C-alpha cells in the first residue's frame, strides 16, 4: 500500500548513508533522514504544533553519499514522494508497523541558512553534465529504483 506524500518538516538527527552491493558495478545508494513533519497552527502568541509526526525518509539516488554531507540536523526540508507501510518483527518476535516516505525529492528550505555555494558547472559532454547536481533534482529517470 502506498500513497502520494508531500510535507514540510525538520531533520531531527544526522543523515545516515548506506551503499548496497547488488552484483553490478554501481552499488545502490541510500540516504535516510529522520524528519519531524509538524502542523503549525497560528495562535495569539505565535504558532502551536498540533498533530505533527516523525517519519523516516529514504532517498535512493546515486548522489546520496554527497548529499549525506549536505543535509544537517535542524534543516527545514520539503519532501515529496510516497508513503509506504513498513512492517517488521522486533527482538521479541512482535510485529511492528510504521510508515516511511520513499522520497522522489527533498528540497532544502532557506530557514536558518547562512550561505549557499554552488559547484562549478560541468563542461558540456562530460559524464556529470547530465547528472543532477542538487538534492531536490532527483527526477524519476535519474533516481535509482
N, C-alpha and C. Protein backbone atom coordinates (compact mmCIF):
# COMPACT_ATOMS: atom_id res chain seq x y z
N UNK A 1 0.84 -1.17 0.00
CA UNK A 1 0.00 0.00 0.00
C UNK A 1 0.89 1.24 0.00
N UNK A 2 0.60 2.20 -0.85
CA UNK A 2 1.34 3.46 -0.84
C UNK A 2 0.42 4.57 -1.31
N UNK A 3 0.81 5.79 -0.97
CA UNK A 3 0.05 6.95 -1.37
C UNK A 3 0.99 8.14 -1.53
N UNK A 4 0.60 9.11 -2.35
CA UNK A 4 1.44 10.28 -2.59
C UNK A 4 1.60 11.08 -1.29
N UNK A 5 2.81 11.56 -1.04
CA UNK A 5 3.09 12.33 0.16
C UNK A 5 3.81 13.62 -0.21
N UNK A 6 3.42 14.70 0.47
CA UNK A 6 4.04 16.00 0.28
C UNK A 6 4.02 16.67 1.64
N UNK A 7 5.19 16.94 2.24
CA UNK A 7 5.22 17.52 3.57
C UNK A 7 6.46 18.34 3.84
N UNK A 8 6.34 19.23 4.82
CA UNK A 8 7.42 20.12 5.23
C UNK A 8 7.75 19.82 6.68
N UNK A 9 9.05 19.72 6.98
CA UNK A 9 9.44 19.43 8.35
C UNK A 9 10.92 19.69 8.59
N UNK A 10 11.38 19.28 9.78
CA UNK A 10 12.77 19.49 10.18
C UNK A 10 13.47 18.14 10.32
N UNK A 11 14.73 18.10 9.88
CA UNK A 11 15.55 16.91 10.06
C UNK A 11 15.91 16.81 11.54
N UNK A 12 15.66 15.65 12.14
CA UNK A 12 15.82 15.51 13.58
C UNK A 12 17.13 14.89 14.04
N UNK A 13 17.89 14.31 13.13
CA UNK A 13 19.17 13.70 13.50
C UNK A 13 20.09 13.71 12.28
N UNK A 14 21.34 13.37 12.51
CA UNK A 14 22.30 13.35 11.40
C UNK A 14 21.84 12.34 10.34
N UNK A 15 22.01 12.66 9.06
CA UNK A 15 21.63 11.72 7.99
C UNK A 15 22.44 10.43 8.07
N UNK A 16 21.85 9.34 7.62
CA UNK A 16 22.53 8.05 7.56
C UNK A 16 22.70 7.66 6.09
N UNK A 17 23.92 7.32 5.72
CA UNK A 17 24.20 6.89 4.35
C UNK A 17 24.61 5.43 4.35
N UNK A 18 24.10 4.67 3.36
CA UNK A 18 24.49 3.28 3.18
C UNK A 18 24.58 2.97 1.70
N UNK A 19 25.50 2.08 1.37
CA UNK A 19 25.62 1.59 -0.01
C UNK A 19 25.43 0.08 0.03
N UNK A 20 24.67 -0.43 -0.94
CA UNK A 20 24.37 -1.85 -1.02
C UNK A 20 24.87 -2.40 -2.34
N UNK A 21 25.75 -3.39 -2.28
CA UNK A 21 26.21 -4.05 -3.50
C UNK A 21 25.10 -4.96 -3.99
N UNK A 22 24.83 -4.89 -5.29
CA UNK A 22 23.76 -5.70 -5.85
C UNK A 22 24.26 -6.54 -7.04
N UNK A 23 25.55 -6.81 -7.08
CA UNK A 23 26.10 -7.62 -8.16
C UNK A 23 26.49 -6.81 -9.38
N UNK A 24 26.11 -5.57 -9.47
CA UNK A 24 26.50 -4.71 -10.59
C UNK A 24 27.74 -3.90 -10.20
N UNK A 25 28.25 -3.14 -11.14
CA UNK A 25 29.41 -2.28 -10.86
C UNK A 25 29.05 -1.20 -9.85
N UNK A 26 27.90 -0.59 -10.02
CA UNK A 26 27.47 0.51 -9.16
C UNK A 26 26.61 -0.01 -8.02
N UNK A 27 26.97 0.31 -6.77
CA UNK A 27 26.10 -0.10 -5.65
C UNK A 27 24.86 0.79 -5.60
N UNK A 28 23.81 0.29 -4.98
CA UNK A 28 22.62 1.12 -4.73
C UNK A 28 22.92 1.96 -3.51
N UNK A 29 22.59 3.24 -3.57
CA UNK A 29 22.93 4.18 -2.50
C UNK A 29 21.67 4.70 -1.83
N UNK A 30 21.68 4.69 -0.50
CA UNK A 30 20.53 5.10 0.29
C UNK A 30 20.92 6.21 1.26
N UNK A 31 20.13 7.27 1.26
CA UNK A 31 20.26 8.32 2.27
C UNK A 31 18.98 8.27 3.09
N UNK A 32 19.14 8.12 4.40
CA UNK A 32 17.98 8.04 5.27
C UNK A 32 17.99 9.25 6.20
N UNK A 33 16.86 9.95 6.22
CA UNK A 33 16.67 11.12 7.07
C UNK A 33 15.54 10.83 8.05
N UNK A 34 15.65 11.33 9.26
CA UNK A 34 14.60 11.23 10.25
C UNK A 34 13.98 12.62 10.35
N UNK A 35 12.73 12.78 9.88
CA UNK A 35 12.12 14.10 9.76
C UNK A 35 10.87 14.21 10.63
N UNK A 36 10.74 15.36 11.32
CA UNK A 36 9.52 15.67 12.06
C UNK A 36 8.67 16.58 11.20
N UNK A 37 7.53 16.07 10.76
CA UNK A 37 6.59 16.85 9.95
C UNK A 37 5.59 17.49 10.91
N UNK A 38 5.71 18.80 11.07
CA UNK A 38 4.87 19.50 12.03
C UNK A 38 3.58 20.00 11.39
N UNK A 39 2.68 20.46 12.23
CA UNK A 39 1.41 21.04 11.79
C UNK A 39 1.21 22.34 12.56
N UNK A 40 1.90 23.43 12.15
CA UNK A 40 1.80 24.68 12.90
C UNK A 40 0.45 25.36 12.68
N UNK A 41 -0.20 25.72 13.79
CA UNK A 41 -1.48 26.41 13.74
C UNK A 41 -1.29 27.78 14.39
N UNK A 42 -1.68 28.88 13.70
CA UNK A 42 -1.49 30.22 14.26
C UNK A 42 -2.30 30.42 15.56
N UNK A 43 -1.64 31.03 16.55
CA UNK A 43 -2.29 31.39 17.81
C UNK A 43 -1.97 32.84 18.11
N UNK A 44 -2.48 33.37 19.19
CA UNK A 44 -2.19 34.76 19.57
C UNK A 44 -0.71 34.98 19.86
N UNK A 45 -0.05 33.95 20.37
CA UNK A 45 1.35 34.06 20.78
C UNK A 45 2.33 33.52 19.74
N UNK A 46 1.88 33.24 18.55
CA UNK A 46 2.76 32.70 17.51
C UNK A 46 2.13 31.50 16.85
N UNK A 47 2.73 30.33 17.05
CA UNK A 47 2.23 29.09 16.45
C UNK A 47 2.20 27.98 17.48
N UNK A 48 1.27 27.07 17.32
CA UNK A 48 1.14 25.89 18.16
C UNK A 48 1.22 24.67 17.25
N UNK A 49 2.06 23.69 17.62
CA UNK A 49 2.18 22.49 16.80
C UNK A 49 1.09 21.50 17.19
N UNK A 50 0.20 21.20 16.26
CA UNK A 50 -0.91 20.28 16.53
C UNK A 50 -0.88 19.13 15.53
N UNK A 51 -0.56 17.98 16.00
CA UNK A 51 -0.65 16.79 15.16
C UNK A 51 0.56 16.48 14.32
N UNK A 52 1.74 16.90 14.73
CA UNK A 52 2.94 16.56 13.98
C UNK A 52 3.33 15.10 14.19
N UNK A 53 4.24 14.59 13.36
CA UNK A 53 4.67 13.20 13.47
C UNK A 53 6.08 13.04 12.91
N UNK A 54 6.78 12.02 13.43
CA UNK A 54 8.10 11.65 12.94
C UNK A 54 7.94 10.60 11.85
N UNK A 55 8.77 10.68 10.82
CA UNK A 55 8.77 9.65 9.78
C UNK A 55 10.17 9.48 9.21
N UNK A 56 10.59 8.24 8.98
CA UNK A 56 11.84 8.02 8.26
C UNK A 56 11.64 8.37 6.78
N UNK A 57 12.61 9.05 6.21
CA UNK A 57 12.56 9.43 4.79
C UNK A 57 13.74 8.76 4.11
N UNK A 58 13.46 7.99 3.05
CA UNK A 58 14.51 7.30 2.31
C UNK A 58 14.67 7.91 0.93
N UNK A 59 15.91 8.21 0.57
CA UNK A 59 16.23 8.75 -0.75
C UNK A 59 17.23 7.77 -1.39
N UNK A 60 16.79 7.07 -2.43
CA UNK A 60 17.66 6.17 -3.19
C UNK A 60 18.15 6.93 -4.40
N UNK A 61 19.45 7.27 -4.42
CA UNK A 61 19.98 8.06 -5.53
C UNK A 61 21.49 7.89 -5.60
N UNK A 62 22.04 8.04 -6.79
CA UNK A 62 23.49 7.88 -6.97
C UNK A 62 24.30 8.95 -6.24
N UNK A 63 23.69 10.10 -5.92
CA UNK A 63 24.39 11.17 -5.20
C UNK A 63 24.12 11.15 -3.69
N UNK A 64 23.56 10.07 -3.17
CA UNK A 64 23.19 10.00 -1.75
C UNK A 64 24.38 10.24 -0.82
N UNK A 65 25.56 9.73 -1.18
CA UNK A 65 26.72 9.91 -0.31
C UNK A 65 27.08 11.39 -0.20
N UNK A 66 27.09 12.08 -1.32
CA UNK A 66 27.42 13.52 -1.31
C UNK A 66 26.37 14.30 -0.53
N UNK A 67 25.11 13.92 -0.71
CA UNK A 67 24.02 14.63 -0.02
C UNK A 67 24.04 14.38 1.49
N UNK A 68 24.62 13.26 1.92
CA UNK A 68 24.68 12.98 3.36
C UNK A 68 25.51 14.03 4.08
N UNK A 69 26.43 14.67 3.37
CA UNK A 69 27.24 15.74 3.95
C UNK A 69 26.53 17.09 3.86
N UNK A 70 25.57 17.21 2.96
CA UNK A 70 24.86 18.46 2.75
C UNK A 70 23.74 18.65 3.78
N UNK A 71 22.92 17.62 3.96
CA UNK A 71 21.81 17.71 4.91
C UNK A 71 22.34 17.68 6.34
N UNK A 72 21.70 18.47 7.22
CA UNK A 72 22.13 18.55 8.60
C UNK A 72 20.94 18.53 9.53
N UNK A 73 21.18 18.09 10.76
CA UNK A 73 20.15 18.10 11.79
C UNK A 73 19.64 19.54 11.96
N UNK A 74 18.32 19.70 12.01
CA UNK A 74 17.71 21.00 12.20
C UNK A 74 17.29 21.69 10.92
N UNK A 75 17.78 21.23 9.76
CA UNK A 75 17.39 21.84 8.47
C UNK A 75 15.91 21.66 8.21
N UNK A 76 15.32 22.70 7.64
CA UNK A 76 13.92 22.65 7.21
C UNK A 76 13.91 22.11 5.78
N UNK A 77 13.10 21.07 5.53
CA UNK A 77 13.06 20.44 4.22
C UNK A 77 11.62 20.26 3.74
N UNK A 78 11.48 20.19 2.43
CA UNK A 78 10.22 19.90 1.78
C UNK A 78 10.39 18.55 1.10
N UNK A 79 9.54 17.59 1.44
CA UNK A 79 9.69 16.22 0.96
C UNK A 79 8.50 15.85 0.08
N UNK A 80 8.82 15.29 -1.09
CA UNK A 80 7.79 14.77 -1.98
C UNK A 80 8.12 13.32 -2.29
N UNK A 81 7.12 12.47 -2.24
CA UNK A 81 7.35 11.06 -2.53
C UNK A 81 6.09 10.26 -2.31
N UNK A 82 6.29 9.05 -1.78
CA UNK A 82 5.13 8.22 -1.49
C UNK A 82 5.29 7.63 -0.10
N UNK A 83 4.17 7.52 0.60
CA UNK A 83 4.14 6.97 1.94
C UNK A 83 3.91 5.46 1.81
N UNK A 84 4.75 4.67 2.46
CA UNK A 84 4.71 3.22 2.33
C UNK A 84 4.67 2.58 3.72
N UNK A 85 3.82 1.60 3.88
CA UNK A 85 3.75 0.85 5.13
C UNK A 85 4.98 -0.04 5.24
N UNK A 86 5.66 -0.02 6.38
CA UNK A 86 6.86 -0.80 6.62
C UNK A 86 6.59 -1.70 7.83
N UNK A 87 6.66 -3.00 7.65
CA UNK A 87 6.34 -3.97 8.69
C UNK A 87 7.55 -4.86 8.96
N UNK A 88 7.85 -5.14 10.24
CA UNK A 88 8.96 -6.00 10.61
C UNK A 88 8.69 -6.62 11.98
N UNK A 89 9.53 -7.56 12.37
CA UNK A 89 9.42 -8.19 13.69
C UNK A 89 10.57 -7.72 14.56
N UNK A 90 10.26 -7.36 15.82
CA UNK A 90 11.30 -6.94 16.75
C UNK A 90 11.97 -8.15 17.39
N UNK A 91 12.87 -7.92 18.37
CA UNK A 91 13.62 -9.00 19.01
C UNK A 91 12.71 -10.00 19.70
N UNK A 92 11.57 -9.56 20.17
CA UNK A 92 10.63 -10.43 20.88
C UNK A 92 9.60 -11.05 19.95
N UNK A 93 9.86 -10.98 18.64
CA UNK A 93 9.02 -11.52 17.59
C UNK A 93 7.61 -10.91 17.54
N UNK A 94 7.49 -9.66 17.98
CA UNK A 94 6.24 -8.92 17.83
C UNK A 94 6.26 -8.20 16.50
N UNK A 95 5.14 -8.21 15.81
CA UNK A 95 5.05 -7.50 14.54
C UNK A 95 4.92 -6.00 14.81
N UNK A 96 5.80 -5.24 14.18
CA UNK A 96 5.80 -3.78 14.32
C UNK A 96 5.47 -3.16 12.98
N UNK A 97 4.79 -2.02 13.00
CA UNK A 97 4.39 -1.34 11.77
C UNK A 97 4.70 0.15 11.90
N UNK A 98 5.23 0.72 10.84
CA UNK A 98 5.41 2.16 10.76
C UNK A 98 5.18 2.57 9.32
N UNK A 99 5.14 3.85 9.07
CA UNK A 99 5.04 4.35 7.71
C UNK A 99 6.30 5.14 7.42
N UNK A 100 6.89 4.90 6.26
CA UNK A 100 8.07 5.63 5.86
C UNK A 100 7.76 6.37 4.56
N UNK A 101 8.59 7.34 4.24
CA UNK A 101 8.43 8.10 3.00
C UNK A 101 9.57 7.72 2.07
N UNK A 102 9.23 7.20 0.89
CA UNK A 102 10.21 6.96 -0.16
C UNK A 102 10.21 8.22 -1.01
N UNK A 103 11.22 9.05 -0.83
CA UNK A 103 11.25 10.39 -1.41
C UNK A 103 11.69 10.39 -2.87
N UNK A 104 11.02 11.19 -3.66
CA UNK A 104 11.46 11.48 -5.02
C UNK A 104 12.30 12.75 -5.00
N UNK A 105 11.93 13.66 -4.12
CA UNK A 105 12.64 14.95 -3.99
C UNK A 105 12.67 15.36 -2.52
N UNK A 106 13.81 15.92 -2.11
CA UNK A 106 13.95 16.53 -0.79
C UNK A 106 14.61 17.87 -1.02
N UNK A 107 13.85 18.94 -0.87
CA UNK A 107 14.37 20.28 -1.08
C UNK A 107 14.70 20.95 0.23
N UNK A 108 15.81 21.66 0.25
CA UNK A 108 16.21 22.41 1.44
C UNK A 108 15.54 23.77 1.41
N UNK A 109 14.85 24.11 2.49
CA UNK A 109 14.20 25.42 2.59
C UNK A 109 15.16 26.40 3.25
N UNK A 110 15.03 27.69 2.96
CA UNK A 110 16.06 28.66 3.36
C UNK A 110 16.08 29.07 4.83
N UNK A 111 15.27 28.49 5.67
CA UNK A 111 15.26 28.87 7.09
C UNK A 111 16.59 28.51 7.74
N UNK A 112 17.17 29.44 8.49
CA UNK A 112 18.39 29.27 9.27
C UNK A 112 19.64 29.06 8.43
N UNK A 113 19.59 29.20 7.10
CA UNK A 113 20.79 29.06 6.28
C UNK A 113 21.61 30.34 6.36
N UNK A 114 22.92 30.20 6.44
CA UNK A 114 23.80 31.36 6.46
C UNK A 114 24.40 31.66 5.10
N UNK A 115 24.64 30.62 4.29
CA UNK A 115 25.19 30.83 2.97
C UNK A 115 24.88 29.64 2.08
N UNK A 116 25.00 29.86 0.79
CA UNK A 116 24.80 28.81 -0.20
C UNK A 116 25.90 28.96 -1.23
N UNK A 117 26.52 27.84 -1.61
CA UNK A 117 27.52 27.90 -2.66
C UNK A 117 27.24 26.78 -3.66
N UNK A 118 27.50 27.04 -4.91
CA UNK A 118 27.28 26.08 -5.98
C UNK A 118 28.61 25.57 -6.50
N UNK A 119 28.61 24.34 -6.95
CA UNK A 119 29.82 23.81 -7.57
C UNK A 119 29.91 24.35 -8.99
N UNK A 120 31.09 24.24 -9.58
CA UNK A 120 31.28 24.72 -10.95
C UNK A 120 30.39 23.94 -11.90
N UNK A 121 29.92 24.60 -12.93
CA UNK A 121 29.08 23.95 -13.93
C UNK A 121 29.94 22.99 -14.72
N UNK A 122 29.48 21.72 -14.88
CA UNK A 122 30.29 20.76 -15.63
C UNK A 122 30.37 21.14 -17.11
N UNK A 123 31.47 20.77 -17.74
CA UNK A 123 31.66 21.05 -19.17
C UNK A 123 30.66 20.24 -19.98
N UNK A 124 30.22 20.77 -21.09
CA UNK A 124 29.28 20.07 -21.96
C UNK A 124 29.91 18.77 -22.44
N UNK A 125 29.12 17.70 -22.41
CA UNK A 125 29.62 16.42 -22.87
C UNK A 125 30.29 15.59 -21.80
N UNK A 126 30.56 16.16 -20.63
CA UNK A 126 31.19 15.37 -19.57
C UNK A 126 30.13 14.44 -18.95
N UNK A 127 30.55 13.32 -18.37
CA UNK A 127 29.59 12.38 -17.80
C UNK A 127 28.71 13.01 -16.73
N UNK A 128 29.23 13.98 -15.97
CA UNK A 128 28.43 14.59 -14.91
C UNK A 128 27.55 15.71 -15.41
N UNK A 129 27.66 16.08 -16.70
CA UNK A 129 26.83 17.16 -17.23
C UNK A 129 25.36 16.79 -17.24
N UNK A 130 25.05 15.51 -17.39
CA UNK A 130 23.65 15.10 -17.40
C UNK A 130 23.16 14.68 -16.03
N UNK A 131 24.06 14.57 -15.06
CA UNK A 131 23.66 14.16 -13.71
C UNK A 131 23.09 15.34 -12.96
N UNK A 132 22.17 15.05 -12.05
CA UNK A 132 21.61 16.12 -11.23
C UNK A 132 22.66 16.60 -10.25
N UNK A 133 22.62 17.88 -9.90
CA UNK A 133 23.63 18.43 -9.01
C UNK A 133 23.06 18.90 -7.70
N UNK A 134 21.76 18.86 -7.51
CA UNK A 134 21.18 19.34 -6.27
C UNK A 134 20.34 18.29 -5.59
N UNK A 135 20.12 18.45 -4.29
CA UNK A 135 19.39 17.46 -3.53
C UNK A 135 17.92 17.37 -3.90
N UNK A 136 17.37 18.36 -4.57
CA UNK A 136 15.96 18.29 -4.93
C UNK A 136 15.79 18.01 -6.42
N UNK A 137 16.86 17.53 -7.08
CA UNK A 137 16.81 17.36 -8.52
C UNK A 137 16.74 15.90 -8.95
N UNK A 138 16.25 15.01 -8.10
CA UNK A 138 16.22 13.60 -8.50
C UNK A 138 14.95 13.28 -9.26
N UNK A 139 15.00 13.51 -10.54
CA UNK A 139 13.85 13.23 -11.40
C UNK A 139 13.67 11.73 -11.53
N UNK A 140 12.46 11.27 -11.88
CA UNK A 140 12.20 9.83 -11.94
C UNK A 140 13.17 9.07 -12.84
N UNK A 141 13.62 9.65 -13.95
CA UNK A 141 14.51 8.93 -14.84
C UNK A 141 15.94 8.89 -14.30
N UNK A 142 16.25 9.70 -13.29
CA UNK A 142 17.59 9.71 -12.72
C UNK A 142 17.66 8.91 -11.43
N UNK A 143 16.54 8.72 -10.76
CA UNK A 143 16.54 8.03 -9.48
C UNK A 143 16.80 6.55 -9.68
N UNK A 144 17.50 5.98 -8.70
CA UNK A 144 17.72 4.54 -8.74
C UNK A 144 16.50 3.87 -8.17
N UNK A 145 16.20 2.69 -8.58
CA UNK A 145 15.00 2.05 -8.02
C UNK A 145 15.00 0.62 -8.06
